[in-house]
Amino acid sequence: MPSIFHILDAIAKIRRIQERGDLTQDEILYDAALRNLQTLSESTQRLPSELKDLYPGIPWQNISGFRNILVHNYLGDIDPLIL
């Protein structure tokens, strides 16, 4: 299931990005984190419903909505303090 691997890879990359420095002070790290959050959230949309149903505690719709904010930039710049 490629989507799961994309999700796990994005999580690992975000953790490494956070270890490299302060996202609020480094725009390269900030951009890299946003890109991986986009990949993560987009990959969750491709997971089968049957799998998502097994994990009702995960806010799947919120993750999908966050992806739309990232991609379409509805709110302008994303505040790095909320990442």
PDB file of N, CA and C in Angstrom:
ATOM      1  N   MET A   1       0.851  -1.177   0.000  1.00  0.00           N
ATOM      2  CA  MET A   1       0.000   0.000   0.000  1.00  0.00           C
ATOM      3  C   MET A   1       0.904   1.250   0.000  1.00  0.00           C
ATOM      4  N   PRO A   2       1.166   1.833  -1.166  1.00  0.00           N
ATOM      5  CA  PRO A   2       2.101   2.958  -1.263  1.00  0.00           C
ATOM      6  C   PRO A   2       1.748   4.155  -0.384  1.00  0.00           C
ATOM      7  N   SER A   3       0.472   4.454  -0.186  1.00  0.00           N
ATOM      8  CA  SER A   3       0.102   5.625   0.607  1.00  0.00           C
ATOM      9  C   SER A   3       0.624   5.538   2.028  1.00  0.00           C
ATOM     10  N   ILE A   4       0.583   4.351   2.605  1.00  0.00           N
ATOM     11  CA  ILE A   4       1.083   4.178   3.971  1.00  0.00           C
ATOM     12  C   ILE A   4       2.577   4.470   4.006  1.00  0.00           C
ATOM     13  N   PHE A   5       3.309   3.998   3.019  1.00  0.00           N
ATOM     14  CA  PHE A   5       4.742   4.248   2.980  1.00  0.00           C
ATOM     15  C   PHE A   5       5.039   5.731   2.802  1.00  0.00           C
ATOM     16  N   HIS A   6       4.242   6.428   2.003  1.00  0.00           N
ATOM     17  CA  HIS A   6       4.414   7.875   1.847  1.00  0.00           C
ATOM     18  C   HIS A   6       4.168   8.599   3.173  1.00  0.00           C
ATOM     19  N   ILE A   7       3.164   8.163   3.897  1.00  0.00           N
ATOM     20  CA  ILE A   7       2.835   8.775   5.185  1.00  0.00           C
ATOM     21  C   ILE A   7       3.990   8.579   6.164  1.00  0.00           C
ATOM     22  N   LEU A   8       4.464   7.351   6.275  1.00  0.00           N
ATOM     23  CA  LEU A   8       5.562   7.068   7.203  1.00  0.00           C
ATOM     24  C   LEU A   8       6.842   7.800   6.811  1.00  0.00           C
ATOM     25  N   ASP A   9       7.108   7.868   5.517  1.00  0.00           N
ATOM     26  CA  ASP A   9       8.284   8.591   5.031  1.00  0.00           C
ATOM     27  C   ASP A   9       8.172  10.081   5.344  1.00  0.00           C
ATOM     28  N   ALA A  10       7.006  10.666   5.139  1.00  0.00           N
ATOM     29  CA  ALA A  10       6.807  12.088   5.422  1.00  0.00           C
ATOM     30  C   ALA A  10       6.978  12.370   6.918  1.00  0.00           C
ATOM     31  N   ILE A  11       6.455  11.492   7.758  1.00  0.00           N
ATOM     32  CA  ILE A  11       6.614  11.668   9.202  1.00  0.00           C
ATOM     33  C   ILE A  11       8.096  11.634   9.580  1.00  0.00           C
ATOM     34  N   ALA A  12       8.824  10.679   9.046  1.00  0.00           N
ATOM     35  CA  ALA A  12      10.254  10.574   9.344  1.00  0.00           C
ATOM     36  C   ALA A  12      11.005  11.826   8.884  1.00  0.00           C
ATOM     37  N   LYS A  13      10.665  12.327   7.705  1.00  0.00           N
ATOM     38  CA  LYS A  13      11.328  13.536   7.199  1.00  0.00           C
ATOM     39  C   LYS A  13      10.998  14.747   8.057  1.00  0.00           C
ATOM     40  N   ILE A  14       9.750  14.878   8.474  1.00  0.00           N
ATOM     41  CA  ILE A  14       9.360  16.012   9.317  1.00  0.00           C
ATOM     42  C   ILE A  14      10.140  15.972  10.629  1.00  0.00           C
ATOM     43  N   ARG A  15      10.296  14.808  11.192  1.00  0.00           N
ATOM     44  CA  ARG A  15      11.087  14.682  12.435  1.00  0.00           C
ATOM     45  C   ARG A  15      12.529  15.109  12.211  1.00  0.00           C
ATOM     46  N   ARG A  16      13.116  14.689  11.091  1.00  0.00           N
ATOM     47  CA  ARG A  16      14.501  15.094  10.797  1.00  0.00           C
ATOM     48  C   ARG A  16      14.600  16.599  10.562  1.00  0.00           C
ATOM     49  N   ILE A  17      13.611  17.157   9.908  1.00  0.00           N
ATOM     50  CA  ILE A  17      13.588  18.608   9.671  1.00  0.00           C
ATOM     51  C   ILE A  17      13.554  19.353  10.995  1.00  0.00           C
ATOM     52  N   GLN A  18      12.705  18.907  11.909  1.00  0.00           N
ATOM     53  CA  GLN A  18      12.590  19.548  13.223  1.00  0.00           C
ATOM     54  C   GLN A  18      13.908  19.482  13.987  1.00  0.00           C
ATOM     55  N   GLU A  19      14.654  18.395  13.829  1.00  0.00           N
ATOM     56  CA  GLU A  19      15.936  18.242  14.512  1.00  0.00           C
ATOM     57  C   GLU A  19      16.988  19.216  13.990  1.00  0.00           C
ATOM     58  N   ARG A  20      16.807  19.686  12.772  1.00  0.00           N
ATOM     59  CA  ARG A  20      17.808  20.566  12.160  1.00  0.00           C
ATOM     60  C   ARG A  20      17.716  22.017  12.598  1.00  0.00           C
ATOM     61  N   GLY A  21      16.582  22.400  13.148  1.00  0.00           N
ATOM     62  CA  GLY A  21      16.493  23.791  13.578  1.00  0.00           C
ATOM     63  C   GLY A  21      15.078  24.253  13.817  1.00  0.00           C
ATOM     64  N   ASP A  22      14.972  25.541  13.991  1.00  0.00           N
ATOM     65  CA  ASP A  22      13.720  26.207  14.341  1.00  0.00           C
ATOM     66  C   ASP A  22      12.969  26.610  13.076  1.00  0.00           C
ATOM     67  N   LEU A  23      11.802  26.016  12.882  1.00  0.00           N
ATOM     68  CA  LEU A  23      10.999  26.317  11.685  1.00  0.00           C
ATOM     69  C   LEU A  23      10.564  27.776  11.639  1.00  0.00           C
ATOM     70  N   THR A  24      10.482  28.415  12.808  1.00  0.00           N
ATOM     71  CA  THR A  24      10.051  29.818  12.831  1.00  0.00           C
ATOM     72  C   THR A  24      11.172  30.760  12.411  1.00  0.00           C
ATOM     73  N   GLN A  25      12.396  30.237  12.357  1.00  0.00           N
ATOM     74  CA  GLN A  25      13.545  31.079  12.030  1.00  0.00           C
ATOM     75  C   GLN A  25      14.210  30.721  10.702  1.00  0.00           C
ATOM     76  N   ASP A  26      13.880  29.586  10.142  1.00  0.00           N
ATOM     77  CA  ASP A  26      14.544  29.124   8.920  1.00  0.00           C
ATOM     78  C   ASP A  26      13.496  28.788   7.867  1.00  0.00           C
ATOM     79  N   GLU A  27      13.425  29.631   6.849  1.00  0.00           N
ATOM     80  CA  GLU A  27      12.373  29.443   5.840  1.00  0.00           C
ATOM     81  C   GLU A  27      12.569  28.182   5.002  1.00  0.00           C
ATOM     82  N   ILE A  28      13.778  27.712   4.861  1.00  0.00           N
ATOM     83  CA  ILE A  28      14.018  26.478   4.113  1.00  0.00           C
ATOM     84  C   ILE A  28      13.444  25.288   4.885  1.00  0.00           C
ATOM     85  N   LEU A  29      13.706  25.250   6.192  1.00  0.00           N
ATOM     86  CA  LEU A  29      13.142  24.176   7.018  1.00  0.00           C
ATOM     87  C   LEU A  29      11.622  24.263   7.040  1.00  0.00           C
ATOM     88  N   TYR A  30      11.114  25.480   7.137  1.00  0.00           N
ATOM     89  CA  TYR A  30       9.665  25.717   7.136  1.00  0.00           C
ATOM     90  C   TYR A  30       9.041  25.174   5.850  1.00  0.00           C
ATOM     91  N   ASP A  31       9.624  25.537   4.711  1.00  0.00           N
ATOM     92  CA  ASP A  31       9.099  25.067   3.428  1.00  0.00           C
ATOM     93  C   ASP A  31       9.176  23.545   3.306  1.00  0.00           C
ATOM     94  N   ALA A  32      10.270  22.973   3.779  1.00  0.00           N
ATOM     95  CA  ALA A  32      10.427  21.520   3.719  1.00  0.00           C
ATOM     96  C   ALA A  32       9.372  20.824   4.586  1.00  0.00           C
ATOM     97  N   ALA A  33       9.119  21.372   5.757  1.00  0.00           N
ATOM     98  CA  ALA A  33       8.102  20.790   6.638  1.00  0.00           C
ATOM     99  C   ALA A  33       6.721  20.881   5.995  1.00  0.00           C
ATOM    100  N   LEU A  34       6.406  22.034   5.419  1.00  0.00           N
ATOM    101  CA  LEU A  34       5.099  22.187   4.759  1.00  0.00           C
ATOM    102  C   LEU A  34       4.928  21.199   3.620  1.00  0.00           C
ATOM    103  N   ARG A  35       5.968  21.014   2.843  1.00  0.00           N
ATOM    104  CA  ARG A  35       5.891  20.085   1.713  1.00  0.00           C
ATOM    105  C   ARG A  35       5.604  18.665   2.200  1.00  0.00           C
ATOM    106  N   ASN A  36       6.269  18.265   3.263  1.00  0.00           N
ATOM    107  CA  ASN A  36       6.050  16.920   3.787  1.00  0.00           C
ATOM    108  C   ASN A  36       4.706  16.782   4.476  1.00  0.00           C
ATOM    109  N   LEU A  37       4.208  17.844   5.101  1.00  0.00           N
ATOM    110  CA  LEU A  37       2.855  17.812   5.653  1.00  0.00           C
ATOM    111  C   LEU A  37       1.833  17.667   4.536  1.00  0.00           C
ATOM    112  N   GLN A  38       2.106  18.310   3.413  1.00  0.00           N
ATOM    113  CA  GLN A  38       1.217  18.188   2.254  1.00  0.00           C
ATOM    114  C   GLN A  38       1.226  16.745   1.743  1.00  0.00           C
ATOM    115  N   THR A  39       2.399  16.164   1.624  1.00  0.00           N
ATOM    116  CA  THR A  39       2.515  14.777   1.167  1.00  0.00           C
ATOM    117  C   THR A  39       1.790  13.839   2.119  1.00  0.00           C
ATOM    118  N   LEU A  40       1.998  14.035   3.418  1.00  0.00           N
ATOM    119  CA  LEU A  40       1.354  13.210   4.426  1.00  0.00           C
ATOM    120  C   LEU A  40      -0.160  13.300   4.323  1.00  0.00           C
ATOM    121  N   SER A  41      -0.662  14.531   4.297  1.00  0.00           N
ATOM    122  CA  SER A  41      -2.120  14.705   4.287  1.00  0.00           C
ATOM    123  C   SER A  41      -2.739  14.237   2.971  1.00  0.00           C
ATOM    124  N   GLU A  42      -2.032  14.440   1.873  1.00  0.00           N
ATOM    125  CA  GLU A  42      -2.552  13.976   0.584  1.00  0.00           C
ATOM    126  C   GLU A  42      -2.578  12.446   0.530  1.00  0.00           C
ATOM    127  N   SER A  43      -1.584  11.823   1.122  1.00  0.00           N
ATOM    128  CA  SER A  43      -1.522  10.362   1.126  1.00  0.00           C
ATOM    129  C   SER A  43      -2.648   9.750   1.953  1.00  0.00           C
ATOM    130  N   THR A  44      -3.060  10.432   3.005  1.00  0.00           N
ATOM    131  CA  THR A  44      -4.159   9.895   3.810  1.00  0.00           C
ATOM    132  C   THR A  44      -5.459   9.856   3.014  1.00  0.00           C
ATOM    133  N   GLN A  45      -5.606  10.762   2.067  1.00  0.00           N
ATOM    134  CA  GLN A  45      -6.817  10.774   1.243  1.00  0.00           C
ATOM    135  C   GLN A  45      -6.893   9.551   0.341  1.00  0.00           C
ATOM    136  N   ARG A  46      -5.755   8.956   0.076  1.00  0.00           N
ATOM    137  CA  ARG A  46      -5.715   7.804  -0.838  1.00  0.00           C
ATOM    138  C   ARG A  46      -5.821   6.467  -0.123  1.00  0.00           C
ATOM    139  N   LEU A  47      -5.886   6.522   1.195  1.00  0.00           N
ATOM    140  CA  LEU A  47      -6.057   5.278   1.942  1.00  0.00           C
ATOM    141  C   LEU A  47      -7.474   4.750   1.747  1.00  0.00           C
ATOM    142  N   PRO A  48      -7.643   3.432   1.698  1.00  0.00           N
ATOM    143  CA  PRO A  48      -8.985   2.873   1.551  1.00  0.00           C
ATOM    144  C   PRO A  48      -9.856   3.200   2.771  1.00  0.00           C
ATOM    145  N   SER A  49     -11.114   3.428   2.527  1.00  0.00           N
ATOM    146  CA  SER A  49     -12.063   3.736   3.603  1.00  0.00           C
ATOM    147  C   SER A  49     -12.093   2.638   4.651  1.00  0.00           C
ATOM    148  N   GLU A  50     -11.947   1.400   4.209  1.00  0.00           N
ATOM    149  CA  GLU A  50     -11.968   0.275   5.142  1.00  0.00           C
ATOM    150  C   GLU A  50     -10.830   0.379   6.161  1.00  0.00           C
ATOM    151  N   LEU A  51      -9.695   0.837   5.717  1.00  0.00           N
ATOM    152  CA  LEU A  51      -8.565   1.011   6.624  1.00  0.00           C
ATOM    153  C   LEU A  51      -8.815   2.170   7.581  1.00  0.00           C
ATOM    154  N   LYS A  52      -9.306   3.276   7.057  1.00  0.00           N
ATOM    155  CA  LYS A  52      -9.607   4.435   7.902  1.00  0.00           C
ATOM    156  C   LYS A  52     -10.658   4.092   8.953  1.00  0.00           C
ATOM    157  N   ASP A  53     -11.609   3.259   8.575  1.00  0.00           N
ATOM    158  CA  ASP A  53     -12.668   2.865   9.510  1.00  0.00           C
ATOM    159  C   ASP A  53     -12.116   2.102  10.715  1.00  0.00           C
ATOM    160  N   LEU A  54     -10.955   1.474  10.542  1.00  0.00           N
ATOM    161  CA  LEU A  54     -10.334   0.741  11.645  1.00  0.00           C
ATOM    162  C   LEU A  54      -9.732   1.688  12.696  1.00  0.00           C
ATOM    163  N   TYR A  55      -9.561   2.955  12.332  1.00  0.00           N
ATOM    164  CA  TYR A  55      -8.938   3.938  13.216  1.00  0.00           C
ATOM    165  C   TYR A  55      -9.835   5.171  13.342  1.00  0.00           C
ATOM    166  N   PRO A  56     -10.977   5.012  14.003  1.00  0.00           N
ATOM    167  CA  PRO A  56     -11.931   6.125  14.098  1.00  0.00           C
ATOM    168  C   PRO A  56     -11.424   7.302  14.938  1.00  0.00           C
ATOM    169  N   GLY A  57     -10.393   7.081  15.729  1.00  0.00           N
ATOM    170  CA  GLY A  57      -9.846   8.159  16.555  1.00  0.00           C
ATOM    171  C   GLY A  57      -8.984   9.140  15.781  1.00  0.00           C
ATOM    172  N   ILE A  58      -8.618   8.788  14.570  1.00  0.00           N
ATOM    173  CA  ILE A  58      -7.807   9.689  13.734  1.00  0.00           C
ATOM    174  C   ILE A  58      -8.760  10.626  12.999  1.00  0.00           C
ATOM    175  N   PRO A  59      -8.528  11.931  13.087  1.00  0.00           N
ATOM    176  CA  PRO A  59      -9.438  12.896  12.446  1.00  0.00           C
ATOM    177  C   PRO A  59      -9.174  13.019  10.936  1.00  0.00           C
ATOM    178  N   TRP A  60      -9.585  12.008  10.195  1.00  0.00           N
ATOM    179  CA  TRP A  60      -9.299  11.938   8.757  1.00  0.00           C
ATOM    180  C   TRP A  60      -9.793  13.173   8.006  1.00  0.00           C
ATOM    181  N   GLN A  61     -10.990  13.651   8.314  1.00  0.00           N
ATOM    182  CA  GLN A  61     -11.527  14.822   7.602  1.00  0.00           C
ATOM    183  C   GLN A  61     -10.714  16.078   7.915  1.00  0.00           C
ATOM    184  N   ASN A  62     -10.253  16.205   9.148  1.00  0.00           N
ATOM    185  CA  ASN A  62      -9.425  17.361   9.506  1.00  0.00           C
ATOM    186  C   ASN A  62      -8.096  17.332   8.755  1.00  0.00           C
ATOM    187  N   ILE A  63      -7.528  16.135   8.636  1.00  0.00           N
ATOM    188  CA  ILE A  63      -6.267  15.999   7.900  1.00  0.00           C
ATOM    189  C   ILE A  63      -6.483  16.378   6.441  1.00  0.00           C
ATOM    190  N   SER A  64      -7.576  15.938   5.873  1.00  0.00           N
ATOM    191  CA  SER A  64      -7.911  16.281   4.489  1.00  0.00           C
ATOM    192  C   SER A  64      -8.108  17.786   4.339  1.00  0.00           C
ATOM    193  N   GLY A  65      -8.803  18.377   5.291  1.00  0.00           N
ATOM    194  CA  GLY A  65      -9.018  19.825   5.260  1.00  0.00           C
ATOM    195  C   GLY A  65      -7.720  20.596   5.380  1.00  0.00           C
ATOM    196  N   PHE A  66      -6.803  20.088   6.208  1.00  0.00           N
ATOM    197  CA  PHE A  66      -5.494  20.728   6.359  1.00  0.00           C
ATOM    198  C   PHE A  66      -4.734  20.679   5.041  1.00  0.00           C
ATOM    199  N   ARG A  67      -4.848  19.572   4.332  1.00  0.00           N
ATOM    200  CA  ARG A  67      -4.210  19.457   3.016  1.00  0.00           C
ATOM    201  C   ARG A  67      -4.724  20.546   2.077  1.00  0.00           C
ATOM    202  N   ASN A  68      -6.032  20.782   2.099  1.00  0.00           N
ATOM    203  CA  ASN A  68      -6.604  21.808   1.232  1.00  0.00           C
ATOM    204  C   ASN A  68      -6.072  23.189   1.598  1.00  0.00           C
ATOM    205  N   ILE A  69      -5.912  23.444   2.879  1.00  0.00           N
ATOM    206  CA  ILE A  69      -5.346  24.727   3.309  1.00  0.00           C
ATOM    207  C   ILE A  69      -3.915  24.866   2.808  1.00  0.00           C
ATOM    208  N   LEU A  70      -3.119  23.806   2.962  1.00  0.00           N
ATOM    209  CA  LEU A  70      -1.725  23.849   2.514  1.00  0.00           C
ATOM    210  C   LEU A  70      -1.620  24.074   1.008  1.00  0.00           C
ATOM    211  N   VAL A  71      -2.414  23.321   0.266  1.00  0.00           N
ATOM    212  CA  VAL A  71      -2.306  23.361  -1.199  1.00  0.00           C
ATOM    213  C   VAL A  71      -2.874  24.651  -1.778  1.00  0.00           C
ATOM    214  N   HIS A  72      -4.014  25.079  -1.263  1.00  0.00           N
ATOM    215  CA  HIS A  72      -4.689  26.234  -1.838  1.00  0.00           C
ATOM    216  C   HIS A  72      -4.411  27.530  -1.087  1.00  0.00           C
ATOM    217  N   ASN A  73      -3.708  27.396   0.037  1.00  0.00           N
ATOM    218  CA  ASN A  73      -3.273  28.565   0.805  1.00  0.00           C
ATOM    219  C   ASN A  73      -4.440  29.487   1.152  1.00  0.00           C
ATOM    220  N   TYR A  74      -5.531  28.883   1.598  1.00  0.00           N
ATOM    221  CA  TYR A  74      -6.723  29.648   1.943  1.00  0.00           C
ATOM    222  C   TYR A  74      -6.462  30.729   2.985  1.00  0.00           C
ATOM    223  N   LEU A  75      -5.559  30.450   3.904  1.00  0.00           N
ATOM    224  CA  LEU A  75      -5.324  31.381   5.009  1.00  0.00           C
ATOM    225  C   LEU A  75      -4.092  32.246   4.810  1.00  0.00           C
ATOM    226  N   GLY A  76      -3.540  32.266   3.622  1.00  0.00           N
ATOM    227  CA  GLY A  76      -2.306  33.003   3.433  1.00  0.00           C
ATOM    228  C   GLY A  76      -1.163  32.163   3.977  1.00  0.00           C
ATOM    229  N   ASP A  77      -0.201  32.819   4.590  1.00  0.00           N
ATOM    230  CA  ASP A  77       0.923  32.085   5.162  1.00  0.00           C
ATOM    231  C   ASP A  77       0.469  31.242   6.340  1.00  0.00           C
ATOM    232  N   ILE A  78       1.008  30.052   6.439  1.00  0.00           N
ATOM    233  CA  ILE A  78       0.733  29.156   7.552  1.00  0.00           C
ATOM    234  C   ILE A  78       1.686  29.541   8.684  1.00  0.00           C
ATOM    235  N   ASP A  79       1.164  29.759   9.863  1.00  0.00           N
ATOM    236  CA  ASP A  79       1.963  30.153  11.017  1.00  0.00           C
ATOM    237  C   ASP A  79       2.848  28.984  11.434  1.00  0.00           C
ATOM    238  N   PRO A  80       4.178  29.131  11.378  1.00  0.00           N
ATOM    239  CA  PRO A  80       5.050  28.012  11.734  1.00  0.00           C
ATOM    240  C   PRO A  80       4.935  27.599  13.190  1.00  0.00           C
ATOM    241  N   LEU A  81       4.388  28.447  14.037  1.00  0.00           N
ATOM    242  CA  LEU A  81       4.247  28.091  15.441  1.00  0.00           C
ATOM    243  C   LEU A  81       3.172  27.026  15.651  1.00  0.00           C
ATOM    244  N   ILE A  82       2.264  26.843  14.667  1.00  0.00           N
ATOM    245  CA  ILE A  82       1.237  25.817  14.816  1.00  0.00           C
ATOM    246  C   ILE A  82       1.663  24.484  14.225  1.00  0.00           C
ATOM    247  N   LEU A  83       2.769  24.459  13.509  1.00  0.00           N
ATOM    248  CA  LEU A  83       3.250  23.197  12.921  1.00  0.00           C
ATOM    249  C   LEU A  83       3.764  22.362  13.999  1.00  0.00           C
TER     250      LEU A  83
END
